[in-house]
PDB file of N, CA and C in Angstrom:
ATOM      1  N   MET A   1      27.631 132.304  54.035  1.00  0.00           N
ATOM      2  CA  MET A   1      28.719 131.494  53.517  1.00  0.00           C
ATOM      3  C   MET A   1      28.181 130.609  52.391  1.00  0.00           C
ATOM      4  N   LYS A   2      28.870 130.648  51.234  1.00  0.00           N
ATOM      5  CA  LYS A   2      28.457 129.860  50.082  1.00  0.00           C
ATOM      6  C   LYS A   2      28.942 128.427  50.231  1.00  0.00           C
ATOM      7  N   ARG A   3      28.049 127.485  49.968  1.00  0.00           N
ATOM      8  CA  ARG A   3      28.388 126.059  50.084  1.00  0.00           C
ATOM      9  C   ARG A   3      29.124 125.590  48.836  1.00  0.00           C
ATOM     10  N   GLN A   4      30.210 124.887  49.029  1.00  0.00           N
ATOM     11  CA  GLN A   4      30.971 124.307  47.925  1.00  0.00           C
ATOM     12  C   GLN A   4      30.268 123.051  47.433  1.00  0.00           C
ATOM     13  N   ASN A   5      30.273 122.819  46.113  1.00  0.00           N
ATOM     14  CA  ASN A   5      29.710 121.579  45.572  1.00  0.00           C
ATOM     15  C   ASN A   5      30.651 120.420  45.862  1.00  0.00           C
ATOM     16  N   VAL A   6      30.082 119.289  46.215  1.00  0.00           N
ATOM     17  CA  VAL A   6      30.858 118.082  46.489  1.00  0.00           C
ATOM     18  C   VAL A   6      30.405 117.026  45.493  1.00  0.00           C
ATOM     19  N   PHE A   7      31.366 116.373  44.840  1.00  0.00           N
ATOM     20  CA  PHE A   7      31.053 115.403  43.809  1.00  0.00           C
ATOM     21  C   PHE A   7      31.641 114.051  44.156  1.00  0.00           C
ATOM     22  N   CYS A   8      31.033 113.012  43.602  1.00  0.00           N
ATOM     23  CA  CYS A   8      31.485 111.655  43.896  1.00  0.00           C
ATOM     24  C   CYS A   8      32.786 111.310  43.180  1.00  0.00           C
ATOM     25  N   SER A   9      33.100 112.034  42.093  1.00  0.00           N
ATOM     26  CA  SER A   9      34.324 111.740  41.342  1.00  0.00           C
ATOM     27  C   SER A   9      34.752 112.969  40.553  1.00  0.00           C
ATOM     28  N   TYR A  10      35.979 112.917  40.033  1.00  0.00           N
ATOM     29  CA  TYR A  10      36.451 113.997  39.169  1.00  0.00           C
ATOM     30  C   TYR A  10      35.616 114.072  37.899  1.00  0.00           C
ATOM     31  N   ARG A  11      35.181 112.906  37.405  1.00  0.00           N
ATOM     32  CA  ARG A  11      34.363 112.863  36.195  1.00  0.00           C
ATOM     33  C   ARG A  11      33.058 113.627  36.408  1.00  0.00           C
ATOM     34  N   CYS A  12      32.387 113.367  37.525  1.00  0.00           N
ATOM     35  CA  CYS A  12      31.135 114.077  37.829  1.00  0.00           C
ATOM     36  C   CYS A  12      31.389 115.574  37.977  1.00  0.00           C
ATOM     37  N   ASN A  13      32.493 115.918  38.620  1.00  0.00           N
ATOM     38  CA  ASN A  13      32.856 117.321  38.772  1.00  0.00           C
ATOM     39  C   ASN A  13      33.081 117.959  37.402  1.00  0.00           C
ATOM     40  N   GLY A  14      33.794 117.269  36.521  1.00  0.00           N
ATOM     41  CA  GLY A  14      34.069 117.793  35.187  1.00  0.00           C
ATOM     42  C   GLY A  14      32.800 117.993  34.370  1.00  0.00           C
ATOM     43  N   ILE A  15      31.902 117.030  34.443  1.00  0.00           N
ATOM     44  CA  ILE A  15      30.640 117.137  33.707  1.00  0.00           C
ATOM     45  C   ILE A  15      29.829 118.318  34.238  1.00  0.00           C
ATOM     46  N   TYR A  16      29.801 118.478  35.565  1.00  0.00           N
ATOM     47  CA  TYR A  16      29.075 119.598  36.154  1.00  0.00           C
ATOM     48  C   TYR A  16      29.690 120.926  35.713  1.00  0.00           C
ATOM     49  N   CYS A  17      31.018 121.032  35.793  1.00  0.00           N
ATOM     50  CA  CYS A  17      31.686 122.283  35.420  1.00  0.00           C
ATOM     51  C   CYS A  17      31.417 122.627  33.957  1.00  0.00           C
ATOM     52  N   LYS A  18      31.500 121.627  33.095  1.00  0.00           N
ATOM     53  CA  LYS A  18      31.246 121.853  31.673  1.00  0.00           C
ATOM     54  C   LYS A  18      29.805 122.304  31.451  1.00  0.00           C
ATOM     55  N   SER A  19      28.865 121.731  32.209  1.00  0.00           N
ATOM     56  CA  SER A  19      27.460 122.098  32.036  1.00  0.00           C
ATOM     57  C   SER A  19      27.187 123.524  32.499  1.00  0.00           C
ATOM     58  N   GLN A  20      28.037 124.066  33.360  1.00  0.00           N
ATOM     59  CA  GLN A  20      27.852 125.425  33.872  1.00  0.00           C
ATOM     60  C   GLN A  20      28.517 126.478  32.984  1.00  0.00           C
ATOM     61  N   MET A  21      29.353 126.035  32.067  1.00  0.00           N
ATOM     62  CA  MET A  21      30.031 126.971  31.173  1.00  0.00           C
ATOM     63  C   MET A  21      29.056 127.466  30.119  1.00  0.00           C
ATOM     64  N   PRO A  22      29.220 128.716  29.687  1.00  0.00           N
ATOM     65  CA  PRO A  22      28.349 129.194  28.617  1.00  0.00           C
ATOM     66  C   PRO A  22      28.610 128.399  27.339  1.00  0.00           C
ATOM     67  N   ASN A  23      27.562 128.120  26.590  1.00  0.00           N
ATOM     68  CA  ASN A  23      27.710 127.355  25.353  1.00  0.00           C
ATOM     69  C   ASN A  23      28.166 128.279  24.238  1.00  0.00           C
ATOM     70  N   LYS A  24      29.448 128.505  24.204  1.00  0.00           N
ATOM     71  CA  LYS A  24      30.041 129.339  23.170  1.00  0.00           C
ATOM     72  C   LYS A  24      31.027 128.470  22.405  1.00  0.00           C
ATOM     73  N   GLU A  25      30.798 128.341  21.118  1.00  0.00           N
ATOM     74  CA  GLU A  25      31.667 127.483  20.323  1.00  0.00           C
ATOM     75  C   GLU A  25      33.038 128.115  20.162  1.00  0.00           C
ATOM     76  N   THR A  26      34.055 127.267  20.119  1.00  0.00           N
ATOM     77  CA  THR A  26      35.410 127.738  19.858  1.00  0.00           C
ATOM     78  C   THR A  26      35.574 127.921  18.353  1.00  0.00           C
ATOM     79  N   SER A  27      36.652 128.575  17.967  1.00  0.00           N
ATOM     80  CA  SER A  27      36.885 128.814  16.536  1.00  0.00           C
ATOM     81  C   SER A  27      37.020 127.497  15.772  1.00  0.00           C
ATOM     82  N   ILE A  28      37.657 126.485  16.389  1.00  0.00           N
ATOM     83  CA  ILE A  28      37.806 125.214  15.674  1.00  0.00           C
ATOM     84  C   ILE A  28      36.493 124.438  15.630  1.00  0.00           C
ATOM     85  N   GLU A  29      35.626 124.634  16.632  1.00  0.00           N
ATOM     86  CA  GLU A  29      34.307 124.001  16.575  1.00  0.00           C
ATOM     87  C   GLU A  29      33.473 124.624  15.462  1.00  0.00           C
ATOM     88  N   ILE A  30      33.581 125.929  15.299  1.00  0.00           N
ATOM     89  CA  ILE A  30      32.845 126.615  14.216  1.00  0.00           C
ATOM     90  C   ILE A  30      33.327 126.109  12.859  1.00  0.00           C
ATOM     91  N   LYS A  31      34.625 125.954  12.703  1.00  0.00           N
ATOM     92  CA  LYS A  31      35.176 125.449  11.439  1.00  0.00           C
ATOM     93  C   LYS A  31      34.729 124.013  11.188  1.00  0.00           C
ATOM     94  N   THR A  32      34.678 123.204  12.248  1.00  0.00           N
ATOM     95  CA  THR A  32      34.220 121.820  12.102  1.00  0.00           C
ATOM     96  C   THR A  32      32.747 121.787  11.722  1.00  0.00           C
ATOM     97  N   MET A  33      31.952 122.677  12.306  1.00  0.00           N
ATOM     98  CA  MET A  33      30.532 122.772  11.939  1.00  0.00           C
ATOM     99  C   MET A  33      30.375 123.074  10.450  1.00  0.00           C
ATOM    100  N   LYS A  34      31.210 123.978   9.955  1.00  0.00           N
ATOM    101  CA  LYS A  34      31.144 124.338   8.528  1.00  0.00           C
ATOM    102  C   LYS A  34      31.467 123.134   7.650  1.00  0.00           C
ATOM    103  N   ILE A  35      32.423 122.323   8.080  1.00  0.00           N
ATOM    104  CA  ILE A  35      32.768 121.114   7.323  1.00  0.00           C
ATOM    105  C   ILE A  35      31.578 120.153   7.327  1.00  0.00           C
ATOM    106  N   LEU A  36      31.017 119.921   8.505  1.00  0.00           N
ATOM    107  CA  LEU A  36      29.863 119.003   8.610  1.00  0.00           C
ATOM    108  C   LEU A  36      28.680 119.522   7.788  1.00  0.00           C
ATOM    109  N   ASP A  37      28.429 120.819   7.857  1.00  0.00           N
ATOM    110  CA  ASP A  37      27.334 121.411   7.080  1.00  0.00           C
ATOM    111  C   ASP A  37      27.574 121.250   5.576  1.00  0.00           C
ATOM    112  N   SER A  38      28.833 121.428   5.155  1.00  0.00           N
ATOM    113  CA  SER A  38      29.148 121.294   3.724  1.00  0.00           C
ATOM    114  C   SER A  38      28.934 119.868   3.231  1.00  0.00           C
ATOM    115  N   LEU A  39      29.045 118.908   4.140  1.00  0.00           N
ATOM    116  CA  LEU A  39      28.818 117.504   3.792  1.00  0.00           C
ATOM    117  C   LEU A  39      27.340 117.120   3.915  1.00  0.00           C
ATOM    118  N   GLY A  40      26.537 118.027   4.446  1.00  0.00           N
ATOM    119  CA  GLY A  40      25.110 117.748   4.615  1.00  0.00           C
ATOM    120  C   GLY A  40      24.829 116.731   5.707  1.00  0.00           C
ATOM    121  N   ILE A  41      25.685 116.702   6.712  1.00  0.00           N
ATOM    122  CA  ILE A  41      25.550 115.732   7.794  1.00  0.00           C
ATOM    123  C   ILE A  41      24.790 116.357   8.960  1.00  0.00           C
ATOM    124  N   ALA A  42      23.773 115.664   9.442  1.00  0.00           N
ATOM    125  CA  ALA A  42      23.035 116.111  10.629  1.00  0.00           C
ATOM    126  C   ALA A  42      23.833 115.735  11.868  1.00  0.00           C
ATOM    127  N   TYR A  43      23.954 116.659  12.808  1.00  0.00           N
ATOM    128  CA  TYR A  43      24.746 116.419  14.003  1.00  0.00           C
ATOM    129  C   TYR A  43      24.160 117.187  15.180  1.00  0.00           C
ATOM    130  N   GLU A  44      24.571 116.779  16.360  1.00  0.00           N
ATOM    131  CA  GLU A  44      24.225 117.482  17.586  1.00  0.00           C
ATOM    132  C   GLU A  44      25.518 118.027  18.172  1.00  0.00           C
ATOM    133  N   THR A  45      25.443 119.199  18.796  1.00  0.00           N
ATOM    134  CA  THR A  45      26.623 119.756  19.450  1.00  0.00           C
ATOM    135  C   THR A  45      26.480 119.625  20.953  1.00  0.00           C
ATOM    136  N   GLN A  46      27.625 119.511  21.615  1.00  0.00           N
ATOM    137  CA  GLN A  46      27.690 119.424  23.073  1.00  0.00           C
ATOM    138  C   GLN A  46      26.732 118.367  23.622  1.00  0.00           C
ATOM    139  N   LYS A  47      26.782 117.188  23.030  1.00  0.00           N
ATOM    140  CA  LYS A  47      25.904 116.072  23.383  1.00  0.00           C
ATOM    141  C   LYS A  47      26.509 115.281  24.546  1.00  0.00           C
ATOM    142  N   ARG A  48      25.735 115.146  25.601  1.00  0.00           N
ATOM    143  CA  ARG A  48      26.156 114.336  26.749  1.00  0.00           C
ATOM    144  C   ARG A  48      26.000 112.867  26.365  1.00  0.00           C
ATOM    145  N   ILE A  49      27.047 112.077  26.591  1.00  0.00           N
ATOM    146  CA  ILE A  49      27.014 110.661  26.227  1.00  0.00           C
ATOM    147  C   ILE A  49      27.201 109.809  27.473  1.00  0.00           C
ATOM    148  N   GLU A  50      26.134 109.162  27.865  1.00  0.00           N
ATOM    149  CA  GLU A  50      26.100 108.187  28.962  1.00  0.00           C
ATOM    150  C   GLU A  50      26.783 108.672  30.238  1.00  0.00           C
ATOM    151  N   GLY A  51      26.754 109.953  30.498  1.00  0.00           N
ATOM    152  CA  GLY A  51      27.368 110.486  31.712  1.00  0.00           C
ATOM    153  C   GLY A  51      28.880 110.395  31.737  1.00  0.00           C
ATOM    154  N   ILE A  52      29.468 110.027  30.596  1.00  0.00           N
ATOM    155  CA  ILE A  52      30.922 109.851  30.529  1.00  0.00           C
ATOM    156  C   ILE A  52      31.602 111.112  30.024  1.00  0.00           C
ATOM    157  N   CYS A  53      30.975 111.749  29.037  1.00  0.00           N
ATOM    158  CA  CYS A  53      31.584 112.941  28.458  1.00  0.00           C
ATOM    159  C   CYS A  53      30.520 113.772  27.755  1.00  0.00           C
ATOM    160  N   ILE A  54      30.944 114.935  27.324  1.00  0.00           N
ATOM    161  CA  ILE A  54      30.119 115.775  26.469  1.00  0.00           C
ATOM    162  C   ILE A  54      30.879 115.880  25.150  1.00  0.00           C
ATOM    163  N   ALA A  55      30.289 115.323  24.106  1.00  0.00           N
ATOM    164  CA  ALA A  55      30.946 115.305  22.797  1.00  0.00           C
ATOM    165  C   ALA A  55      30.796 116.665  22.126  1.00  0.00           C
ATOM    166  N   ASP A  56      31.857 117.127  21.461  1.00  0.00           N
ATOM    167  CA  ASP A  56      31.750 118.362  20.702  1.00  0.00           C
ATOM    168  C   ASP A  56      30.681 118.209  19.627  1.00  0.00           C
ATOM    169  N   PHE A  57      30.718 117.068  18.925  1.00  0.00           N
ATOM    170  CA  PHE A  57      29.736 116.769  17.875  1.00  0.00           C
ATOM    171  C   PHE A  57      29.342 115.306  17.984  1.00  0.00           C
ATOM    172  N   PHE A  58      28.076 115.035  17.777  1.00  0.00           N
ATOM    173  CA  PHE A  58      27.587 113.665  17.808  1.00  0.00           C
ATOM    174  C   PHE A  58      26.727 113.441  16.579  1.00  0.00           C
ATOM    175  N   ILE A  59      27.078 112.397  15.832  1.00  0.00           N
ATOM    176  CA  ILE A  59      26.316 112.008  14.647  1.00  0.00           C
ATOM    177  C   ILE A  59      25.693 110.653  14.949  1.00  0.00           C
ATOM    178  N   PRO A  60      24.374 110.636  15.091  1.00  0.00           N
ATOM    179  CA  PRO A  60      23.710 109.370  15.419  1.00  0.00           C
ATOM    180  C   PRO A  60      23.977 108.318  14.349  1.00  0.00           C
ATOM    181  N   PRO A  61      24.089 107.059  14.704  1.00  0.00           N
ATOM    182  CA  PRO A  61      23.795 106.561  16.042  1.00  0.00           C
ATOM    183  C   PRO A  61      25.006 106.456  16.961  1.00  0.00           C
ATOM    184  N   ASP A  62      26.249 106.598  16.404  1.00  0.00           N
ATOM    185  CA  ASP A  62      27.382 106.226  17.262  1.00  0.00           C
ATOM    186  C   ASP A  62      28.677 107.004  17.059  1.00  0.00           C
ATOM    187  N   LEU A  63      28.681 108.036  16.229  1.00  0.00           N
ATOM    188  CA  LEU A  63      29.948 108.726  15.936  1.00  0.00           C
ATOM    189  C   LEU A  63      30.082 110.010  16.752  1.00  0.00           C
ATOM    190  N   ARG A  64      31.190 110.090  17.450  1.00  0.00           N
ATOM    191  CA  ARG A  64      31.528 111.256  18.264  1.00  0.00           C
ATOM    192  C   ARG A  64      32.734 111.927  17.616  1.00  0.00           C
ATOM    193  N   ILE A  65      32.619 113.229  17.370  1.00  0.00           N
ATOM    194  CA  ILE A  65      33.736 113.976  16.801  1.00  0.00           C
ATOM    195  C   ILE A  65      34.188 114.999  17.826  1.00  0.00           C
ATOM    196  N   GLU A  66      35.485 115.000  18.098  1.00  0.00           N
ATOM    197  CA  GLU A  66      36.072 115.932  19.051  1.00  0.00           C
ATOM    198  C   GLU A  66      37.029 116.867  18.329  1.00  0.00           C
ATOM    199  N   ALA A  67      36.845 118.163  18.536  1.00  0.00           N
ATOM    200  CA  ALA A  67      37.751 119.183  18.004  1.00  0.00           C
ATOM    201  C   ALA A  67      38.705 119.529  19.149  1.00  0.00           C
ATOM    202  N   ASP A  68      39.887 118.956  19.113  1.00  0.00           N
ATOM    203  CA  ASP A  68      40.834 119.066  20.224  1.00  0.00           C
ATOM    204  C   ASP A  68      41.734 120.286  20.077  1.00  0.00           C
ATOM    205  N   GLY A  69      41.474 121.279  20.900  1.00  0.00           N
ATOM    206  CA  GLY A  69      42.315 122.468  20.929  1.00  0.00           C
ATOM    207  C   GLY A  69      43.654 122.165  21.583  1.00  0.00           C
ATOM    208  N   ARG A  70      44.673 122.844  21.122  1.00  0.00           N
ATOM    209  CA  ARG A  70      46.037 122.629  21.613  1.00  0.00           C
ATOM    210  C   ARG A  70      46.138 122.910  23.116  1.00  0.00           C
ATOM    211  N   TYR A  71      45.520 123.968  23.585  1.00  0.00           N
ATOM    212  CA  TYR A  71      45.651 124.368  24.985  1.00  0.00           C
ATOM    213  C   TYR A  71      45.116 123.303  25.944  1.00  0.00           C
ATOM    214  N   TRP A  72      43.926 122.774  25.657  1.00  0.00           N
ATOM    215  CA  TRP A  72      43.281 121.836  26.576  1.00  0.00           C
ATOM    216  C   TRP A  72      43.708 120.390  26.396  1.00  0.00           C
ATOM    217  N   HIS A  73      44.176 120.025  25.203  1.00  0.00           N
ATOM    218  CA  HIS A  73      44.423 118.603  24.922  1.00  0.00           C
ATOM    219  C   HIS A  73      45.889 118.245  24.728  1.00  0.00           C
ATOM    220  N   SER A  74      46.812 119.179  24.939  1.00  0.00           N
ATOM    221  CA  SER A  74      48.238 118.883  24.769  1.00  0.00           C
ATOM    222  C   SER A  74      48.903 118.254  25.990  1.00  0.00           C
ATOM    223  N   PRO A  75      48.539 118.650  27.215  1.00  0.00           N
ATOM    224  CA  PRO A  75      49.219 118.039  28.365  1.00  0.00           C
ATOM    225  C   PRO A  75      48.995 116.524  28.401  1.00  0.00           C
ATOM    226  N   GLN A  76      50.006 115.797  28.871  1.00  0.00           N
ATOM    227  CA  GLN A  76      49.923 114.338  28.885  1.00  0.00           C
ATOM    228  C   GLN A  76      48.736 113.846  29.702  1.00  0.00           C
ATOM    229  N   LYS A  77      48.429 114.523  30.795  1.00  0.00           N
ATOM    230  CA  LYS A  77      47.293 114.124  31.626  1.00  0.00           C
ATOM    231  C   LYS A  77      45.985 114.208  30.821  1.00  0.00           C
ATOM    232  N   ALA A  78      45.845 115.246  30.009  1.00  0.00           N
ATOM    233  CA  ALA A  78      44.645 115.403  29.180  1.00  0.00           C
ATOM    234  C   ALA A  78      44.601 114.338  28.089  1.00  0.00           C
ATOM    235  N   LYS A  79      45.755 114.029  27.509  1.00  0.00           N
ATOM    236  CA  LYS A  79      45.814 112.987  26.478  1.00  0.00           C
ATOM    237  C   LYS A  79      45.395 111.637  27.054  1.00  0.00           C
ATOM    238  N   ASP A  80      45.895 111.327  28.241  1.00  0.00           N
ATOM    239  CA  ASP A  80      45.536 110.063  28.899  1.00  0.00           C
ATOM    240  C   ASP A  80      44.035 110.007  29.187  1.00  0.00           C
ATOM    241  N   LYS A  81      43.495 111.113  29.641  1.00  0.00           N
ATOM    242  CA  LYS A  81      42.062 111.191  29.936  1.00  0.00           C
ATOM    243  C   LYS A  81      41.242 110.986  28.657  1.00  0.00           C
ATOM    244  N   ASP A  82      41.679 111.604  27.556  1.00  0.00           N
ATOM    245  CA  ASP A  82      40.995 111.444  26.271  1.00  0.00           C
ATOM    246  C   ASP A  82      41.020 109.980  25.819  1.00  0.00           C
ATOM    247  N   ILE A  83      42.159 109.339  25.952  1.00  0.00           N
ATOM    248  CA  ILE A  83      42.296 107.933  25.557  1.00  0.00           C
ATOM    249  C   ILE A  83      41.357 107.059  26.392  1.00  0.00           C
ATOM    250  N   ASN A  84      41.325 107.312  27.688  1.00  0.00           N
ATOM    251  CA  ASN A  84      40.444 106.529  28.567  1.00  0.00           C
ATOM    252  C   ASN A  84      38.981 106.684  28.160  1.00  0.00           C
ATOM    253  N   LYS A  85      38.553 107.923  27.863  1.00  0.00           N
ATOM    254  CA  LYS A  85      37.169 108.151  27.424  1.00  0.00           C
ATOM    255  C   LYS A  85      36.891 107.421  26.115  1.00  0.00           C
ATOM    256  N   ASP A  86      37.832 107.511  25.178  1.00  0.00           N
ATOM    257  CA  ASP A  86      37.650 106.870  23.872  1.00  0.00           C
ATOM    258  C   ASP A  86      37.501 105.357  24.018  1.00  0.00           C
ATOM    259  N   VAL A  87      38.340 104.759  24.860  1.00  0.00           N
ATOM    260  CA  VAL A  87      38.293 103.309  25.063  1.00  0.00           C
ATOM    261  C   VAL A  87      36.988 102.909  25.740  1.00  0.00           C
ATOM    262  N   LEU A  88      36.620 103.611  26.795  1.00  0.00           N
ATOM    263  CA  LEU A  88      35.387 103.305  27.520  1.00  0.00           C
ATOM    264  C   LEU A  88      34.169 103.414  26.599  1.00  0.00           C
ATOM    265  N   LEU A  89      34.111 104.487  25.832  1.00  0.00           N
ATOM    266  CA  LEU A  89      32.984 104.652  24.908  1.00  0.00           C
ATOM    267  C   LEU A  89      33.040 103.639  23.768  1.00  0.00           C
ATOM    268  N   GLY A  90      34.250 103.235  23.380  1.00  0.00           N
ATOM    269  CA  GLY A  90      34.406 102.200  22.356  1.00  0.00           C
ATOM    270  C   GLY A  90      33.791 100.885  22.803  1.00  0.00           C
ATOM    271  N   PHE A  91      33.995 100.544  24.069  1.00  0.00           N
ATOM    272  CA  PHE A  91      33.382  99.321  24.604  1.00  0.00           C
ATOM    273  C   PHE A  91      31.863  99.416  24.614  1.00  0.00           C
ATOM    274  N   LYS A  92      31.346 100.629  24.666  1.00  0.00           N
ATOM    275  CA  LYS A  92      29.905 100.831  24.688  1.00  0.00           C
ATOM    276  C   LYS A  92      29.326 101.004  23.274  1.00  0.00           C
ATOM    277  N   GLY A  93      30.187 100.854  22.262  1.00  0.00           N
ATOM    278  CA  GLY A  93      29.712 100.892  20.882  1.00  0.00           C
ATOM    279  C   GLY A  93      29.830 102.222  20.168  1.00  0.00           C
ATOM    280  N   TYR A  94      30.519 103.186  20.773  1.00  0.00           N
ATOM    281  CA  TYR A  94      30.682 104.492  20.137  1.00  0.00           C
ATOM    282  C   TYR A  94      32.022 104.566  19.421  1.00  0.00           C
ATOM    283  N   ARG A  95      32.034 105.271  18.317  1.00  0.00           N
ATOM    284  CA  ARG A  95      33.272 105.539  17.581  1.00  0.00           C
ATOM    285  C   ARG A  95      33.671 106.985  17.845  1.00  0.00           C
ATOM    286  N   THR A  96      34.975 107.243  17.868  1.00  0.00           N
ATOM    287  CA  THR A  96      35.463 108.601  18.114  1.00  0.00           C
ATOM    288  C   THR A  96      36.416 109.016  17.013  1.00  0.00           C
ATOM    289  N   LEU A  97      36.198 110.217  16.497  1.00  0.00           N
ATOM    290  CA  LEU A  97      37.122 110.828  15.548  1.00  0.00           C
ATOM    291  C   LEU A  97      37.633 112.103  16.201  1.00  0.00           C
ATOM    292  N   ARG A  98      38.932 112.170  16.395  1.00  0.00           N
ATOM    293  CA  ARG A  98      39.544 113.358  16.987  1.00  0.00           C
ATOM    294  C   ARG A  98      40.247 114.157  15.898  1.00  0.00           C
ATOM    295  N   LEU A  99      39.911 115.435  15.846  1.00  0.00           N
ATOM    296  CA  LEU A  99      40.540 116.358  14.912  1.00  0.00           C
ATOM    297  C   LEU A  99      41.306 117.382  15.734  1.00  0.00           C
ATOM    298  N   THR A 100      42.587 117.547  15.431  1.00  0.00           N
ATOM    299  CA  THR A 100      43.394 118.490  16.200  1.00  0.00           C
ATOM    300  C   THR A 100      43.202 119.907  15.671  1.00  0.00           C
ATOM    301  N   GLU A 101      43.527 120.857  16.519  1.00  0.00           N
ATOM    302  CA  GLU A 101      43.438 122.273  16.135  1.00  0.00           C
ATOM    303  C   GLU A 101      44.267 122.543  14.882  1.00  0.00           C
ATOM    304  N   GLU A 102      45.459 121.977  14.838  1.00  0.00           N
ATOM    305  CA  GLU A 102      46.331 122.178  13.681  1.00  0.00           C
ATOM    306  C   GLU A 102      45.696 121.617  12.410  1.00  0.00           C
ATOM    307  N   GLU A 103      45.129 120.410  12.490  1.00  0.00           N
ATOM    308  CA  GLU A 103      44.458 119.813  11.327  1.00  0.00           C
ATOM    309  C   GLU A 103      43.308 120.691  10.848  1.00  0.00           C
ATOM    310  N   ILE A 104      42.483 121.114  11.788  1.00  0.00           N
ATOM    311  CA  ILE A 104      41.296 121.896  11.436  1.00  0.00           C
ATOM    312  C   ILE A 104      41.695 123.218  10.791  1.00  0.00           C
ATOM    313  N   ASN A 105      42.713 123.877  11.344  1.00  0.00           N
ATOM    314  CA  ASN A 105      43.128 125.181  10.819  1.00  0.00           C
ATOM    315  C   ASN A 105      43.944 125.100   9.531  1.00  0.00           C
ATOM    316  N   LYS A 106      44.830 124.119   9.441  1.00  0.00           N
ATOM    317  CA  LYS A 106      45.753 124.066   8.308  1.00  0.00           C
ATOM    318  C   LYS A 106      45.351 123.081   7.217  1.00  0.00           C
ATOM    319  N   HIS A 107      44.548 122.059   7.556  1.00  0.00           N
ATOM    320  CA  HIS A 107      44.211 121.010   6.594  1.00  0.00           C
ATOM    321  C   HIS A 107      42.717 120.674   6.631  1.00  0.00           C
ATOM    322  N   PRO A 108      41.858 121.657   6.371  1.00  0.00           N
ATOM    323  CA  PRO A 108      40.415 121.388   6.460  1.00  0.00           C
ATOM    324  C   PRO A 108      39.942 120.310   5.482  1.00  0.00           C
ATOM    325  N   ILE A 109      40.582 120.203   4.321  1.00  0.00           N
ATOM    326  CA  ILE A 109      40.186 119.178   3.345  1.00  0.00           C
ATOM    327  C   ILE A 109      40.486 117.792   3.908  1.00  0.00           C
ATOM    328  N   ARG A 110      41.611 117.654   4.582  1.00  0.00           N
ATOM    329  CA  ARG A 110      41.964 116.383   5.220  1.00  0.00           C
ATOM    330  C   ARG A 110      40.922 116.025   6.284  1.00  0.00           C
ATOM    331  N   CYS A 111      40.494 117.019   7.058  1.00  0.00           N
ATOM    332  CA  CYS A 111      39.456 116.779   8.084  1.00  0.00           C
ATOM    333  C   CYS A 111      38.153 116.348   7.418  1.00  0.00           C
ATOM    334  N   ARG A 112      37.806 117.028   6.346  1.00  0.00           N
ATOM    335  CA  ARG A 112      36.583 116.685   5.601  1.00  0.00           C
ATOM    336  C   ARG A 112      36.641 115.237   5.120  1.00  0.00           C
ATOM    337  N   ASN A 113      37.793 114.838   4.590  1.00  0.00           N
ATOM    338  CA  ASN A 113      37.960 113.466   4.098  1.00  0.00           C
ATOM    339  C   ASN A 113      37.902 112.435   5.229  1.00  0.00           C
ATOM    340  N   LYS A 114      38.463 112.779   6.382  1.00  0.00           N
ATOM    341  CA  LYS A 114      38.396 111.872   7.533  1.00  0.00           C
ATOM    342  C   LYS A 114      36.948 111.668   7.972  1.00  0.00           C
ATOM    343  N   ILE A 115      36.181 112.754   7.982  1.00  0.00           N
ATOM    344  CA  ILE A 115      34.769 112.657   8.375  1.00  0.00           C
ATOM    345  C   ILE A 115      34.005 111.817   7.348  1.00  0.00           C
ATOM    346  N   LYS A 116      34.248 112.066   6.062  1.00  0.00           N
ATOM    347  CA  LYS A 116      33.585 111.273   5.009  1.00  0.00           C
ATOM    348  C   LYS A 116      33.918 109.796   5.167  1.00  0.00           C
ATOM    349  N   LYS A 117      35.180 109.487   5.439  1.00  0.00           N
ATOM    350  CA  LYS A 117      35.611 108.098   5.616  1.00  0.00           C
ATOM    351  C   LYS A 117      34.882 107.456   6.795  1.00  0.00           C
ATOM    352  N   GLU A 118      34.774 108.172   7.914  1.00  0.00           N
ATOM    353  CA  GLU A 118      34.055 107.643   9.081  1.00  0.00           C
ATOM    354  C   GLU A 118      32.584 107.407   8.758  1.00  0.00           C
ATOM    355  N   MET A 119      31.992 108.293   7.986  1.00  0.00           N
ATOM    356  CA  MET A 119      30.583 108.143   7.627  1.00  0.00           C
ATOM    357  C   MET A 119      30.399 106.918   6.728  1.00  0.00           C
ATOM    358  N   LEU A 120      31.349 106.674   5.832  1.00  0.00           N
ATOM    359  CA  LEU A 120      31.266 105.486   4.964  1.00  0.00           C
ATOM    360  C   LEU A 120      31.439 104.225   5.784  1.00  0.00           C
ATOM    361  N   MET A 121      32.320 104.248   6.788  1.00  0.00           N
ATOM    362  CA  MET A 121      32.512 103.065   7.632  1.00  0.00           C
ATOM    363  C   MET A 121      31.249 102.729   8.408  1.00  0.00           C
ATOM    364  N   LYS A 122      30.494 103.757   8.768  1.00  0.00           N
ATOM    365  CA  LYS A 122      29.250 103.540   9.496  1.00  0.00           C
ATOM    366  C   LYS A 122      28.224 102.806   8.629  1.00  0.00           C
ATOM    367  N   ASN A 123      28.264 103.084   7.336  1.00  0.00           N
ATOM    368  CA  ASN A 123      27.288 102.500   6.424  1.00  0.00           C
ATOM    369  C   ASN A 123      27.673 101.129   5.901  1.00  0.00           C
ATOM    370  N   VAL A 124      28.868 100.651   6.254  1.00  0.00           N
ATOM    371  CA  VAL A 124      29.325  99.346   5.768  1.00  0.00           C
ATOM    372  C   VAL A 124      28.666  98.228   6.546  1.00  0.00           C
TER     373      VAL A 124
END
């Protein structure tokens, strides 16, 4: 009989499940990588941040970029969870830039400009 994993919270369960998934980038993550590469920005992918979340992209020292796919981030429960993570990480000094699937696919220049703007704010 296989033993089921038991976790102290849904957050711990989510982090564990995400860590067990194969590291395969989504189409919008690949497009976001191309934007970051075109800007010459160094970044880390799938970066674990303080046990709270795994960021799609992390630009040291404090910028987290999330490529939010429609399927996973449209339900209200997911939106609320995203907001809670953003606020919690904000209190810890992290900034979050969320790019939607629609933005990434239809308005890549707008996404590029948003990233440039965030990078300039970091240097102010």
